Amino acid sequence: MGLAKGKECSGPCPIHGLLELLARPWTLHILWALGTDGPSRFGVLRRRVGGISSRVLTERLRVLEQKGFVYRHYQATIPPAVTYGLTKRVNDVQRVLKGLNQLAQQWQEEDAPVAKPADRPRKAAKPIPAA
C-alpha cells in the first residue's frame, strides 16, 4: 500500500500526486470548510476561508473539481446559484483532517499559558499600623 522504509517507487508514487494537491495553499482549508459547514455557495465559502482571494478560491475549486474532490452544482437562476460540496472521495481525507483538528486542540490546550502565582493579581497589602 505505502512505501516500505528505504524503498523507492519504481514508477510514479501515488502519494506524490496527493501531497502535491493537498499541499497547495488554501486547499486543506477549503476542504475543512466544506467538510464542517457542508455544501456552500461561493461567497459563503470565500468568507469562511478568510483571507483567500476570489481568483485563488476559483482556481483551487476548479482543480479540486477536476480531481473529483469537490462537486459544483449550478442552477440557472438570476443571479446564477453555484454551490460547492465534497464528494465521497474526500471522506478519507476528512477523517485525517478531523484527526489533525483533535491534535491541534490538544496542542492548544497543552500550550495554553498556566497562571503562575507571580502572574495572579495580588491582594492589597494591609497598611502597617503606626507606632
Protein backbone atom coordinates (compact mmCIF):
# COMPACT_ATOMS: atom_id res chain seq x y z
CA MET A 1 0.00 0.00 0.00
CA GLY A 2 2.57 2.60 1.06
CA LEU A 3 6.28 2.79 0.62
CA ALA A 4 8.31 0.42 2.71
CA LYS A 5 11.05 2.10 4.69
CA GLY A 6 14.04 2.80 2.48
CA LYS A 7 12.30 1.73 -0.76
CA GLU A 8 11.57 3.91 -3.77
CA CYS A 9 8.67 3.68 -6.21
CA SER A 10 9.52 2.01 -9.49
CA GLY A 11 7.04 4.34 -11.21
CA PRO A 12 5.15 7.40 -10.16
CA CYS A 13 4.35 7.23 -6.45
CA PRO A 14 0.64 7.74 -5.67
CA ILE A 15 1.46 9.75 -2.56
CA HIS A 16 3.35 12.38 -4.53
CA GLY A 17 0.30 13.44 -6.53
CA LEU A 18 -1.91 13.53 -3.46
CA LEU A 19 0.60 15.52 -1.42
CA GLU A 20 1.11 17.94 -4.31
CA LEU A 21 -2.64 18.56 -4.47
CA LEU A 22 -3.20 18.86 -0.71
CA ALA A 23 -0.07 20.96 -0.09
CA ARG A 24 -1.23 23.79 -2.35
CA PRO A 25 -2.08 26.94 -0.42
CA TRP A 26 -5.67 27.05 0.87
CA THR A 27 -6.59 23.55 -0.34
CA LEU A 28 -6.90 21.92 3.08
CA HIS A 29 -8.66 25.00 4.44
CA ILE A 30 -11.25 24.77 1.64
CA LEU A 31 -11.77 21.05 2.25
CA TRP A 32 -12.11 21.67 6.01
CA ALA A 33 -14.66 24.45 5.48
CA LEU A 34 -16.77 22.35 3.11
CA GLY A 35 -16.47 19.34 5.41
CA THR A 36 -17.58 21.17 8.54
CA ASP A 37 -20.17 23.53 7.04
CA GLY A 38 -21.48 21.32 4.25
CA PRO A 39 -22.19 22.47 0.70
CA SER A 40 -21.73 26.22 0.34
CA ARG A 41 -22.16 28.93 -2.23
CA PHE A 42 -19.03 30.66 -3.46
CA GLY A 43 -19.44 33.87 -1.42
CA VAL A 44 -20.16 31.99 1.79
CA LEU A 45 -17.15 29.74 1.21
CA ARG A 46 -14.91 32.75 0.49
CA ARG A 47 -15.94 34.37 3.79
CA ARG A 48 -15.46 31.07 5.66
CA VAL A 49 -11.93 30.72 4.26
CA GLY A 50 -10.89 34.18 5.44
CA GLY A 51 -8.07 35.87 3.56
CA ILE A 52 -8.39 33.96 0.28
CA SER A 53 -8.94 35.95 -2.90
CA SER A 54 -11.78 35.14 -5.28
CA ARG A 55 -9.26 34.28 -8.01
CA VAL A 56 -7.35 31.77 -5.85
CA LEU A 57 -10.56 30.22 -4.50
CA THR A 58 -11.84 29.78 -8.06
CA GLU A 59 -8.55 28.15 -9.13
CA ARG A 60 -8.49 25.78 -6.16
CA LEU A 61 -12.14 24.79 -6.58
CA ARG A 62 -11.56 24.04 -10.28
CA VAL A 63 -8.59 21.80 -9.52
CA LEU A 64 -10.45 20.04 -6.68
CA GLU A 65 -13.41 19.51 -9.01
CA GLN A 66 -11.15 18.08 -11.74
CA LYS A 67 -9.60 15.67 -9.23
CA GLY A 68 -13.02 14.52 -8.02
CA PHE A 69 -12.78 16.01 -4.52
CA VAL A 70 -15.42 18.71 -4.97
CA TYR A 71 -18.63 18.87 -6.95
CA ARG A 72 -20.13 22.01 -8.43
CA HIS A 73 -23.90 22.37 -8.65
CA TYR A 74 -25.09 25.13 -11.00
CA GLN A 75 -28.64 26.45 -11.03
CA ALA A 76 -29.64 28.71 -13.91
CA THR A 77 -31.38 31.32 -11.80
CA ILE A 78 -30.99 35.08 -11.75
CA PRO A 79 -28.43 35.55 -10.35
CA PRO A 80 -26.95 32.09 -11.02
CA ALA A 81 -26.63 29.92 -7.91
CA VAL A 82 -23.49 27.82 -7.72
CA THR A 83 -22.98 25.50 -4.77
CA TYR A 84 -19.82 23.56 -3.96
CA GLY A 85 -19.65 20.44 -1.83
CA LEU A 86 -17.45 17.45 -1.12
CA THR A 87 -17.65 14.17 -2.98
CA LYS A 88 -17.50 10.77 -1.31
CA ARG A 89 -13.89 10.53 -2.44
CA VAL A 90 -12.92 13.05 0.24
CA ASN A 91 -14.28 11.01 3.17
CA ASP A 92 -10.86 9.51 3.89
CA VAL A 93 -9.22 12.94 3.75
CA GLN A 94 -11.90 14.30 6.11
CA ARG A 95 -11.04 11.60 8.66
CA VAL A 96 -7.40 12.72 8.53
CA LEU A 97 -8.43 16.38 8.87
CA LYS A 98 -10.62 15.57 11.89
CA GLY A 99 -7.65 13.80 13.47
CA LEU A 100 -5.47 16.86 12.80
CA ASN A 101 -8.16 19.07 14.35
CA GLN A 102 -8.17 16.95 17.51
CA LEU A 103 -4.38 17.14 17.63
CA ALA A 104 -4.47 20.93 17.17
CA GLN A 105 -6.98 21.30 20.00
CA GLN A 106 -4.86 19.07 22.26
CA TRP A 107 -1.71 21.06 21.50
CA GLN A 108 -3.55 24.34 22.04
CA GLU A 109 -4.62 23.17 25.49
CA GLU A 110 -1.11 21.94 26.30
CA ASP A 111 0.46 25.19 25.12
CA ALA A 112 -2.03 27.45 26.88
CA PRO A 113 -0.21 29.52 29.48
CA VAL A 114 -0.82 28.36 33.02
CA ALA A 115 -1.26 31.16 35.52
CA LYS A 116 1.73 31.16 37.83
CA PRO A 117 1.49 32.52 41.38
CA ALA A 118 3.51 35.57 40.26
CA ASP A 119 1.02 36.20 37.42
CA ARG A 120 -2.04 36.21 39.66
CA PRO A 121 -3.25 39.56 40.93
CA ARG A 122 -2.06 40.25 44.45
CA LYS A 123 -4.33 41.28 47.25
CA ALA A 124 -3.73 44.74 48.54
CA ALA A 125 -1.36 44.68 51.49
CA LYS A 126 -2.69 45.77 54.83
CA PRO A 127 -1.23 49.07 55.97
CA ILE A 128 1.34 48.83 58.71
CA PRO A 129 -0.05 50.40 61.90
CA ALA A 130 1.83 53.48 63.06
CA ALA A 131 3.60 53.02 66.36
